[in-house]
Amino acid sequence: MQLLADKVWVLATLVAGIGLLGLLHVMAIGIQNQVKVHDLKIRVNTLRQQQMDRLRERMENQQGMFAQRSASAMPPAADDEIIEVDEVPQPVERRKAA
């Protein structure tokens, strides 16, 4: 009878050890996922900042180009004639009700 009790204790200890290793494995995977999520958030924020810097630089370049164009545009001469053109209204087609 003592032999059977010893086998049960060994089996219970083995099952408990495997369960503890499984729990530690699950916790390690959870921590690893949290670290990956944190690293991705840092990378996303870095990429967003780089994109904003590029857009800001592009806007500044475009504004500089517009300023150069407006400064280089020649004002109309005094003898140039300015013609105003209005749009011609299109006729409205009306259908008779049946």
PDB file of N, CA and C in Angstrom:
ATOM      1  N   MET A   1       0.815  -1.183   0.000  1.00  0.00           N
ATOM      2  CA  MET A   1       0.000   0.000   0.000  1.00  0.00           C
ATOM      3  C   MET A   1       0.869   1.260   0.000  1.00  0.00           C
ATOM      4  N   GLN A   2       1.967   1.212   0.695  1.00  0.00           N
ATOM      5  CA  GLN A   2       2.866   2.354   0.758  1.00  0.00           C
ATOM      6  C   GLN A   2       3.428   2.668  -0.629  1.00  0.00           C
ATOM      7  N   LEU A   3       3.650   1.661  -1.442  1.00  0.00           N
ATOM      8  CA  LEU A   3       4.171   1.839  -2.789  1.00  0.00           C
ATOM      9  C   LEU A   3       3.189   2.628  -3.657  1.00  0.00           C
ATOM     10  N   LEU A   4       1.908   2.372  -3.515  1.00  0.00           N
ATOM     11  CA  LEU A   4       0.887   3.088  -4.275  1.00  0.00           C
ATOM     12  C   LEU A   4       0.815   4.546  -3.841  1.00  0.00           C
ATOM     13  N   ALA A   5       0.920   4.828  -2.572  1.00  0.00           N
ATOM     14  CA  ALA A   5       0.881   6.197  -2.069  1.00  0.00           C
ATOM     15  C   ALA A   5       2.087   6.984  -2.564  1.00  0.00           C
ATOM     16  N   ASP A   6       3.247   6.354  -2.612  1.00  0.00           N
ATOM     17  CA  ASP A   6       4.443   7.023  -3.126  1.00  0.00           C
ATOM     18  C   ASP A   6       4.278   7.363  -4.616  1.00  0.00           C
ATOM     19  N   LYS A   7       3.692   6.482  -5.378  1.00  0.00           N
ATOM     20  CA  LYS A   7       3.481   6.734  -6.807  1.00  0.00           C
ATOM     21  C   LYS A   7       2.503   7.891  -7.021  1.00  0.00           C
ATOM     22  N   VAL A   8       1.481   7.974  -6.180  1.00  0.00           N
ATOM     23  CA  VAL A   8       0.512   9.061  -6.280  1.00  0.00           C
ATOM     24  C   VAL A   8       1.190  10.392  -5.983  1.00  0.00           C
ATOM     25  N   TRP A   9       2.028  10.425  -4.940  1.00  0.00           N
ATOM     26  CA  TRP A   9       2.734  11.663  -4.611  1.00  0.00           C
ATOM     27  C   TRP A   9       3.687  12.066  -5.740  1.00  0.00           C
ATOM     28  N   VAL A  10       4.365  11.139  -6.323  1.00  0.00           N
ATOM     29  CA  VAL A  10       5.274  11.436  -7.428  1.00  0.00           C
ATOM     30  C   VAL A  10       4.478  11.958  -8.619  1.00  0.00           C
ATOM     31  N   LEU A  11       3.370  11.306  -8.914  1.00  0.00           N
ATOM     32  CA  LEU A  11       2.534  11.736 -10.033  1.00  0.00           C
ATOM     33  C   LEU A  11       1.943  13.125  -9.777  1.00  0.00           C
ATOM     34  N   ALA A  12       1.482  13.402  -8.582  1.00  0.00           N
ATOM     35  CA  ALA A  12       0.916  14.717  -8.241  1.00  0.00           C
ATOM     36  C   ALA A  12       1.985  15.803  -8.335  1.00  0.00           C
ATOM     37  N   THR A  13       3.187  15.495  -7.854  1.00  0.00           N
ATOM     38  CA  THR A  13       4.294  16.457  -7.939  1.00  0.00           C
ATOM     39  C   THR A  13       4.664  16.722  -9.391  1.00  0.00           C
ATOM     40  N   LEU A  14       4.676  15.670 -10.193  1.00  0.00           N
ATOM     41  CA  LEU A  14       4.985  15.824 -11.619  1.00  0.00           C
ATOM     42  C   LEU A  14       3.929  16.684 -12.320  1.00  0.00           C
ATOM     43  N   VAL A  15       2.661  16.449 -12.043  1.00  0.00           N
ATOM     44  CA  VAL A  15       1.576  17.236 -12.650  1.00  0.00           C
ATOM     45  C   VAL A  15       1.659  18.685 -12.186  1.00  0.00           C
ATOM     46  N   ALA A  16       1.932  18.901 -10.898  1.00  0.00           N
ATOM     47  CA  ALA A  16       2.048  20.263 -10.385  1.00  0.00           C
ATOM     48  C   ALA A  16       3.239  20.982 -11.022  1.00  0.00           C
ATOM     49  N   GLY A  17       4.348  20.282 -11.194  1.00  0.00           N
ATOM     50  CA  GLY A  17       5.532  20.877 -11.839  1.00  0.00           C
ATOM     51  C   GLY A  17       5.250  21.251 -13.283  1.00  0.00           C
ATOM     52  N   ILE A  18       4.577  20.379 -14.009  1.00  0.00           N
ATOM     53  CA  ILE A  18       4.232  20.679 -15.405  1.00  0.00           C
ATOM     54  C   ILE A  18       3.260  21.860 -15.465  1.00  0.00           C
ATOM     55  N   GLY A  19       2.305  21.901 -14.537  1.00  0.00           N
ATOM     56  CA  GLY A  19       1.369  23.027 -14.495  1.00  0.00           C
ATOM     57  C   GLY A  19       2.083  24.334 -14.191  1.00  0.00           C
ATOM     58  N   LEU A  20       3.043  24.296 -13.259  1.00  0.00           N
ATOM     59  CA  LEU A  20       3.805  25.504 -12.922  1.00  0.00           C
ATOM     60  C   LEU A  20       4.633  25.965 -14.118  1.00  0.00           C
ATOM     61  N   LEU A  21       5.271  25.034 -14.815  1.00  0.00           N
ATOM     62  CA  LEU A  21       6.031  25.404 -16.011  1.00  0.00           C
ATOM     63  C   LEU A  21       5.117  25.988 -17.093  1.00  0.00           C
ATOM     64  N   GLY A  22       3.918  25.428 -17.241  1.00  0.00           N
ATOM     65  CA  GLY A  22       2.961  25.970 -18.212  1.00  0.00           C
ATOM     66  C   GLY A  22       2.538  27.379 -17.843  1.00  0.00           C
ATOM     67  N   LEU A  23       2.288  27.611 -16.546  1.00  0.00           N
ATOM     68  CA  LEU A  23       1.905  28.950 -16.090  1.00  0.00           C
ATOM     69  C   LEU A  23       3.025  29.956 -16.327  1.00  0.00           C
ATOM     70  N   LEU A  24       4.262  29.561 -16.008  1.00  0.00           N
ATOM     71  CA  LEU A  24       5.399  30.449 -16.254  1.00  0.00           C
ATOM     72  C   LEU A  24       5.575  30.730 -17.741  1.00  0.00           C
ATOM     73  N   HIS A  25       5.318  29.736 -18.586  1.00  0.00           N
ATOM     74  CA  HIS A  25       5.422  29.928 -20.042  1.00  0.00           C
ATOM     75  C   HIS A  25       4.380  30.936 -20.535  1.00  0.00           C
ATOM     76  N   VAL A  26       3.159  30.805 -20.060  1.00  0.00           N
ATOM     77  CA  VAL A  26       2.089  31.734 -20.459  1.00  0.00           C
ATOM     78  C   VAL A  26       2.419  33.145 -19.996  1.00  0.00           C
ATOM     79  N   MET A  27       2.939  33.283 -18.783  1.00  0.00           N
ATOM     80  CA  MET A  27       3.308  34.610 -18.289  1.00  0.00           C
ATOM     81  C   MET A  27       4.440  35.209 -19.111  1.00  0.00           C
ATOM     82  N   ALA A  28       5.420  34.383 -19.506  1.00  0.00           N
ATOM     83  CA  ALA A  28       6.535  34.871 -20.324  1.00  0.00           C
ATOM     84  C   ALA A  28       6.044  35.340 -21.688  1.00  0.00           C
ATOM     85  N   ILE A  29       5.116  34.608 -22.278  1.00  0.00           N
ATOM     86  CA  ILE A  29       4.565  35.010 -23.575  1.00  0.00           C
ATOM     87  C   ILE A  29       3.797  36.330 -23.433  1.00  0.00           C
ATOM     88  N   GLY A  30       3.038  36.483 -22.355  1.00  0.00           N
ATOM     89  CA  GLY A  30       2.311  37.734 -22.125  1.00  0.00           C
ATOM     90  C   GLY A  30       3.241  38.913 -21.970  1.00  0.00           C
ATOM     91  N   ILE A  31       4.320  38.726 -21.215  1.00  0.00           N
ATOM     92  CA  ILE A  31       5.297  39.809 -21.034  1.00  0.00           C
ATOM     93  C   ILE A  31       5.970  40.136 -22.365  1.00  0.00           C
ATOM     94  N   GLN A  32       6.299  39.107 -23.123  1.00  0.00           N
ATOM     95  CA  GLN A  32       6.932  39.318 -24.426  1.00  0.00           C
ATOM     96  C   GLN A  32       6.001  40.107 -25.355  1.00  0.00           C
ATOM     97  N   ASN A  33       4.719  39.790 -25.341  1.00  0.00           N
ATOM     98  CA  ASN A  33       3.764  40.523 -26.175  1.00  0.00           C
ATOM     99  C   ASN A  33       3.655  41.973 -25.730  1.00  0.00           C
ATOM    100  N   GLN A  34       3.665  42.218 -24.419  1.00  0.00           N
ATOM    101  CA  GLN A  34       3.586  43.593 -23.926  1.00  0.00           C
ATOM    102  C   GLN A  34       4.811  44.392 -24.364  1.00  0.00           C
ATOM    103  N   VAL A  35       5.980  43.763 -24.338  1.00  0.00           N
ATOM    104  CA  VAL A  35       7.207  44.441 -24.777  1.00  0.00           C
ATOM    105  C   VAL A  35       7.121  44.764 -26.266  1.00  0.00           C
ATOM    106  N   LYS A  36       6.609  43.818 -27.067  1.00  0.00           N
ATOM    107  CA  LYS A  36       6.471  44.060 -28.510  1.00  0.00           C
ATOM    108  C   LYS A  36       5.491  45.188 -28.786  1.00  0.00           C
ATOM    109  N   VAL A  37       4.372  45.221 -28.056  1.00  0.00           N
ATOM    110  CA  VAL A  37       3.384  46.289 -28.234  1.00  0.00           C
ATOM    111  C   VAL A  37       3.998  47.637 -27.871  1.00  0.00           C
ATOM    112  N   HIS A  38       4.759  47.668 -26.794  1.00  0.00           N
ATOM    113  CA  HIS A  38       5.398  48.915 -26.381  1.00  0.00           C
ATOM    114  C   HIS A  38       6.402  49.388 -27.442  1.00  0.00           C
ATOM    115  N   ASP A  39       7.213  48.463 -27.964  1.00  0.00           N
ATOM    116  CA  ASP A  39       8.173  48.818 -29.009  1.00  0.00           C
ATOM    117  C   ASP A  39       7.465  49.316 -30.268  1.00  0.00           C
ATOM    118  N   LEU A  40       6.350  48.688 -30.613  1.00  0.00           N
ATOM    119  CA  LEU A  40       5.596  49.140 -31.788  1.00  0.00           C
ATOM    120  C   LEU A  40       5.014  50.530 -31.582  1.00  0.00           C
ATOM    121  N   LYS A  41       4.527  50.815 -30.365  1.00  0.00           N
ATOM    122  CA  LYS A  41       3.995  52.153 -30.090  1.00  0.00           C
ATOM    123  C   LYS A  41       5.087  53.204 -30.217  1.00  0.00           C
ATOM    124  N   ILE A  42       6.270  52.888 -29.732  1.00  0.00           N
ATOM    125  CA  ILE A  42       7.388  53.826 -29.871  1.00  0.00           C
ATOM    126  C   ILE A  42       7.716  54.035 -31.342  1.00  0.00           C
ATOM    127  N   ARG A  43       7.746  52.953 -32.124  1.00  0.00           N
ATOM    128  CA  ARG A  43       8.054  53.062 -33.555  1.00  0.00           C
ATOM    129  C   ARG A  43       6.986  53.868 -34.289  1.00  0.00           C
ATOM    130  N   VAL A  44       5.724  53.646 -33.947  1.00  0.00           N
ATOM    131  CA  VAL A  44       4.632  54.384 -34.589  1.00  0.00           C
ATOM    132  C   VAL A  44       4.752  55.875 -34.275  1.00  0.00           C
ATOM    133  N   ASN A  45       5.032  56.206 -33.033  1.00  0.00           N
ATOM    134  CA  ASN A  45       5.177  57.618 -32.678  1.00  0.00           C
ATOM    135  C   ASN A  45       6.361  58.247 -33.395  1.00  0.00           C
ATOM    136  N   THR A  46       7.459  57.503 -33.534  1.00  0.00           N
ATOM    137  CA  THR A  46       8.622  58.016 -34.256  1.00  0.00           C
ATOM    138  C   THR A  46       8.276  58.254 -35.731  1.00  0.00           C
ATOM    139  N   LEU A  47       7.594  57.288 -36.350  1.00  0.00           N
ATOM    140  CA  LEU A  47       7.220  57.438 -37.762  1.00  0.00           C
ATOM    141  C   LEU A  47       6.231  58.578 -37.963  1.00  0.00           C
ATOM    142  N   ARG A  48       5.289  58.751 -37.024  1.00  0.00           N
ATOM    143  CA  ARG A  48       4.351  59.875 -37.122  1.00  0.00           C
ATOM    144  C   ARG A  48       5.083  61.206 -37.048  1.00  0.00           C
ATOM    145  N   GLN A  49       6.048  61.298 -36.138  1.00  0.00           N
ATOM    146  CA  GLN A  49       6.811  62.533 -36.002  1.00  0.00           C
ATOM    147  C   GLN A  49       7.620  62.808 -37.265  1.00  0.00           C
ATOM    148  N   GLN A  50       8.232  61.776 -37.830  1.00  0.00           N
ATOM    149  CA  GLN A  50       8.983  61.952 -39.074  1.00  0.00           C
ATOM    150  C   GLN A  50       8.066  62.394 -40.207  1.00  0.00           C
ATOM    151  N   GLN A  51       6.874  61.802 -40.282  1.00  0.00           N
ATOM    152  CA  GLN A  51       5.922  62.183 -41.321  1.00  0.00           C
ATOM    153  C   GLN A  51       5.481  63.635 -41.152  1.00  0.00           C
ATOM    154  N   MET A  52       5.218  64.032 -39.913  1.00  0.00           N
ATOM    155  CA  MET A  52       4.821  65.418 -39.662  1.00  0.00           C
ATOM    156  C   MET A  52       5.943  66.377 -40.031  1.00  0.00           C
ATOM    157  N   ASP A  53       7.185  66.009 -39.729  1.00  0.00           N
ATOM    158  CA  ASP A  53       8.320  66.855 -40.099  1.00  0.00           C
ATOM    159  C   ASP A  53       8.430  66.985 -41.610  1.00  0.00           C
ATOM    160  N   ARG A  54       8.244  65.849 -42.321  1.00  0.00           N
ATOM    161  CA  ARG A  54       8.292  65.909 -43.790  1.00  0.00           C
ATOM    162  C   ARG A  54       7.177  66.764 -44.361  1.00  0.00           C
ATOM    163  N   LEU A  55       5.953  66.620 -43.815  1.00  0.00           N
ATOM    164  CA  LEU A  55       4.834  67.435 -44.299  1.00  0.00           C
ATOM    165  C   LEU A  55       5.067  68.913 -44.009  1.00  0.00           C
ATOM    166  N   ARG A  56       5.575  69.213 -42.813  1.00  0.00           N
ATOM    167  CA  ARG A  56       5.851  70.602 -42.460  1.00  0.00           C
ATOM    168  C   ARG A  56       6.908  71.189 -43.391  1.00  0.00           C
ATOM    169  N   GLU A  57       7.945  70.407 -43.684  1.00  0.00           N
ATOM    170  CA  GLU A  57       8.990  70.869 -44.594  1.00  0.00           C
ATOM    171  C   GLU A  57       8.430  71.081 -46.001  1.00  0.00           C
ATOM    172  N   ARG A  58       7.564  70.167 -46.444  1.00  0.00           N
ATOM    173  CA  ARG A  58       6.958  70.305 -47.770  1.00  0.00           C
ATOM    174  C   ARG A  58       6.091  71.559 -47.851  1.00  0.00           C
ATOM    175  N   MET A  59       5.320  71.823 -46.775  1.00  0.00           N
ATOM    176  CA  MET A  59       4.477  73.018 -46.752  1.00  0.00           C
ATOM    177  C   MET A  59       5.333  74.282 -46.791  1.00  0.00           C
ATOM    178  N   GLU A  60       6.433  74.282 -46.040  1.00  0.00           N
ATOM    179  CA  GLU A  60       7.315  75.447 -46.050  1.00  0.00           C
ATOM    180  C   GLU A  60       7.929  75.658 -47.428  1.00  0.00           C
ATOM    181  N   ASN A  61       8.304  74.563 -48.102  1.00  0.00           N
ATOM    182  CA  ASN A  61       8.867  74.671 -49.448  1.00  0.00           C
ATOM    183  C   ASN A  61       7.834  75.208 -50.426  1.00  0.00           C
ATOM    184  N   GLN A  62       6.588  74.723 -50.306  1.00  0.00           N
ATOM    185  CA  GLN A  62       5.540  75.208 -51.206  1.00  0.00           C
ATOM    186  C   GLN A  62       5.244  76.676 -50.945  1.00  0.00           C
ATOM    187  N   GLN A  63       5.215  77.079 -49.694  1.00  0.00           N
ATOM    188  CA  GLN A  63       4.959  78.487 -49.388  1.00  0.00           C
ATOM    189  C   GLN A  63       6.089  79.359 -49.907  1.00  0.00           C
ATOM    190  N   GLY A  64       7.315  78.847 -49.824  1.00  0.00           N
ATOM    191  CA  GLY A  64       8.456  79.585 -50.366  1.00  0.00           C
ATOM    192  C   GLY A  64       8.367  79.709 -51.874  1.00  0.00           C
ATOM    193  N   MET A  65       7.896  78.641 -52.536  1.00  0.00           N
ATOM    194  CA  MET A  65       7.749  78.684 -53.987  1.00  0.00           C
ATOM    195  C   MET A  65       6.666  79.683 -54.385  1.00  0.00           C
ATOM    196  N   PHE A  66       5.546  79.713 -53.633  1.00  0.00           N
ATOM    197  CA  PHE A  66       4.485  80.658 -53.947  1.00  0.00           C
ATOM    198  C   PHE A  66       4.956  82.089 -53.736  1.00  0.00           C
ATOM    199  N   ALA A  67       5.751  82.306 -52.705  1.00  0.00           N
ATOM    200  CA  ALA A  67       6.262  83.651 -52.444  1.00  0.00           C
ATOM    201  C   ALA A  67       7.187  84.081 -53.574  1.00  0.00           C
ATOM    202  N   GLN A  68       7.999  83.171 -54.079  1.00  0.00           N
ATOM    203  CA  GLN A  68       8.893  83.503 -55.192  1.00  0.00           C
ATOM    204  C   GLN A  68       8.093  83.785 -56.453  1.00  0.00           C
ATOM    205  N   ARG A  69       7.047  83.001 -56.696  1.00  0.00           N
ATOM    206  CA  ARG A  69       6.232  83.221 -57.890  1.00  0.00           C
ATOM    207  C   ARG A  69       5.520  84.562 -57.835  1.00  0.00           C
ATOM    208  N   SER A  70       4.947  84.878 -56.680  1.00  0.00           N
ATOM    209  CA  SER A  70       4.204  86.137 -56.586  1.00  0.00           C
ATOM    210  C   SER A  70       5.151  87.322 -56.669  1.00  0.00           C
ATOM    211  N   ALA A  71       6.366  87.179 -56.162  1.00  0.00           N
ATOM    212  CA  ALA A  71       7.329  88.282 -56.243  1.00  0.00           C
ATOM    213  C   ALA A  71       7.834  88.446 -57.671  1.00  0.00           C
ATOM    214  N   SER A  72       7.955  87.345 -58.404  1.00  0.00           N
ATOM    215  CA  SER A  72       8.477  87.439 -59.760  1.00  0.00           C
ATOM    216  C   SER A  72       7.384  87.761 -60.782  1.00  0.00           C
ATOM    217  N   ALA A  73       6.100  87.643 -60.397  1.00  0.00           N
ATOM    218  CA  ALA A  73       5.015  87.944 -61.338  1.00  0.00           C
ATOM    219  C   ALA A  73       5.009  89.436 -61.624  1.00  0.00           C
ATOM    220  N   MET A  74       4.854  89.748 -62.889  1.00  0.00           N
ATOM    221  CA  MET A  74       4.869  91.159 -63.279  1.00  0.00           C
ATOM    222  C   MET A  74       3.473  91.741 -63.120  1.00  0.00           C
ATOM    223  N   PRO A  75       3.356  92.889 -62.514  1.00  0.00           N
ATOM    224  CA  PRO A  75       2.044  93.528 -62.418  1.00  0.00           C
ATOM    225  C   PRO A  75       1.599  93.982 -63.806  1.00  0.00           C
ATOM    226  N   PRO A  76       0.293  94.067 -64.032  1.00  0.00           N
ATOM    227  CA  PRO A  76      -0.176  94.485 -65.354  1.00  0.00           C
ATOM    228  C   PRO A  76       0.252  95.920 -65.653  1.00  0.00           C
ATOM    229  N   ALA A  77       0.588  96.147 -66.902  1.00  0.00           N
ATOM    230  CA  ALA A  77       1.006  97.498 -67.323  1.00  0.00           C
ATOM    231  C   ALA A  77      -0.203  98.417 -67.332  1.00  0.00           C
ATOM    232  N   ALA A  78       0.037  99.704 -67.286  1.00  0.00           N
ATOM    233  CA  ALA A  78      -1.035 100.693 -67.219  1.00  0.00           C
ATOM    234  C   ALA A  78      -1.881 100.700 -68.487  1.00  0.00           C
ATOM    235  N   ASP A  79      -1.283 100.373 -69.630  1.00  0.00           N
ATOM    236  CA  ASP A  79      -2.038 100.417 -70.874  1.00  0.00           C
ATOM    237  C   ASP A  79      -2.730  99.090 -71.201  1.00  0.00           C
ATOM    238  N   ASP A  80      -2.550  98.067 -70.365  1.00  0.00           N
ATOM    239  CA  ASP A  80      -3.248  96.800 -70.602  1.00  0.00           C
ATOM    240  C   ASP A  80      -4.721  96.964 -70.279  1.00  0.00           C
ATOM    241  N   GLU A  81      -5.551  96.352 -71.099  1.00  0.00           N
ATOM    242  CA  GLU A  81      -6.991  96.430 -70.896  1.00  0.00           C
ATOM    243  C   GLU A  81      -7.461  95.187 -70.150  1.00  0.00           C
ATOM    244  N   ILE A  82      -8.276  95.390 -69.135  1.00  0.00           N
ATOM    245  CA  ILE A  82      -8.812  94.279 -68.360  1.00  0.00           C
ATOM    246  C   ILE A  82     -10.217  94.009 -68.857  1.00  0.00           C
ATOM    247  N   ILE A  83     -10.473  92.754 -69.230  1.00  0.00           N
ATOM    248  CA  ILE A  83     -11.770  92.376 -69.746  1.00  0.00           C
ATOM    249  C   ILE A  83     -12.424  91.441 -68.742  1.00  0.00           C
ATOM    250  N   GLU A  84     -13.644  91.762 -68.339  1.00  0.00           N
ATOM    251  CA  GLU A  84     -14.395  90.899 -67.446  1.00  0.00           C
ATOM    252  C   GLU A  84     -15.354  90.065 -68.279  1.00  0.00           C
ATOM    253  N   VAL A  85     -15.401  88.782 -67.986  1.00  0.00           N
ATOM    254  CA  VAL A  85     -16.242  87.864 -68.743  1.00  0.00           C
ATOM    255  C   VAL A  85     -17.214  87.219 -67.782  1.00  0.00           C
ATOM    256  N   ASP A  86     -18.503  87.266 -68.129  1.00  0.00           N
ATOM    257  CA  ASP A  86     -19.521  86.602 -67.326  1.00  0.00           C
ATOM    258  C   ASP A  86     -19.895  85.295 -68.009  1.00  0.00           C
ATOM    259  N   GLU A  87     -20.389  84.355 -67.208  1.00  0.00           N
ATOM    260  CA  GLU A  87     -20.845  83.104 -67.768  1.00  0.00           C
ATOM    261  C   GLU A  87     -22.238  83.286 -68.340  1.00  0.00           C
ATOM    262  N   VAL A  88     -22.493  82.591 -69.442  1.00  0.00           N
ATOM    263  CA  VAL A  88     -23.797  82.652 -70.074  1.00  0.00           C
ATOM    264  C   VAL A  88     -24.691  81.623 -69.387  1.00  0.00           C
ATOM    265  N   PRO A  89     -25.861  82.036 -68.893  1.00  0.00           N
ATOM    266  CA  PRO A  89     -26.728  81.051 -68.242  1.00  0.00           C
ATOM    267  C   PRO A  89     -27.252  80.047 -69.268  1.00  0.00           C
ATOM    268  N   GLN A  90     -27.258  78.790 -68.894  1.00  0.00           N
ATOM    269  CA  GLN A  90     -27.729  77.731 -69.773  1.00  0.00           C
ATOM    270  C   GLN A  90     -29.252  77.664 -69.697  1.00  0.00           C
ATOM    271  N   PRO A  91     -29.918  77.447 -70.845  1.00  0.00           N
ATOM    272  CA  PRO A  91     -31.374  77.355 -70.817  1.00  0.00           C
ATOM    273  C   PRO A  91     -31.818  76.081 -70.066  1.00  0.00           C
ATOM    274  N   VAL A  92     -32.893  76.212 -69.326  1.00  0.00           N
ATOM    275  CA  VAL A  92     -33.405  75.093 -68.549  1.00  0.00           C
ATOM    276  C   VAL A  92     -34.437  74.362 -69.403  1.00  0.00           C
ATOM    277  N   GLU A  93     -34.247  73.059 -69.570  1.00  0.00           N
ATOM    278  CA  GLU A  93     -35.202  72.287 -70.351  1.00  0.00           C
ATOM    279  C   GLU A  93     -36.347  71.868 -69.421  1.00  0.00           C
ATOM    280  N   ARG A  94     -37.537  72.153 -69.868  1.00  0.00           N
ATOM    281  CA  ARG A  94     -38.707  71.792 -69.062  1.00  0.00           C
ATOM    282  C   ARG A  94     -39.524  70.770 -69.827  1.00  0.00           C
ATOM    283  N   ARG A  95     -39.891  69.762 -69.147  1.00  0.00           N
ATOM    284  CA  ARG A  95     -40.698  68.717 -69.761  1.00  0.00           C
ATOM    285  C   ARG A  95     -42.135  68.863 -69.285  1.00  0.00           C
ATOM    286  N   LYS A  96     -43.021  68.567 -70.178  1.00  0.00           N
ATOM    287  CA  LYS A  96     -44.437  68.635 -69.804  1.00  0.00           C
ATOM    288  C   LYS A  96     -44.818  67.363 -69.044  1.00  0.00           C
ATOM    289  N   ALA A  97     -45.677  67.567 -68.061  1.00  0.00           N
ATOM    290  CA  ALA A  97     -46.131  66.409 -67.303  1.00  0.00           C
ATOM    291  C   ALA A  97     -47.103  65.609 -68.162  1.00  0.00           C
ATOM    292  N   ALA A  98     -47.026  64.313 -68.047  1.00  0.00           N
ATOM    293  CA  ALA A  98     -47.900  63.464 -68.877  1.00  0.00           C
ATOM    294  C   ALA A  98     -49.246  63.276 -68.279  1.00  0.00           C
TER     295      ALA A  98
END
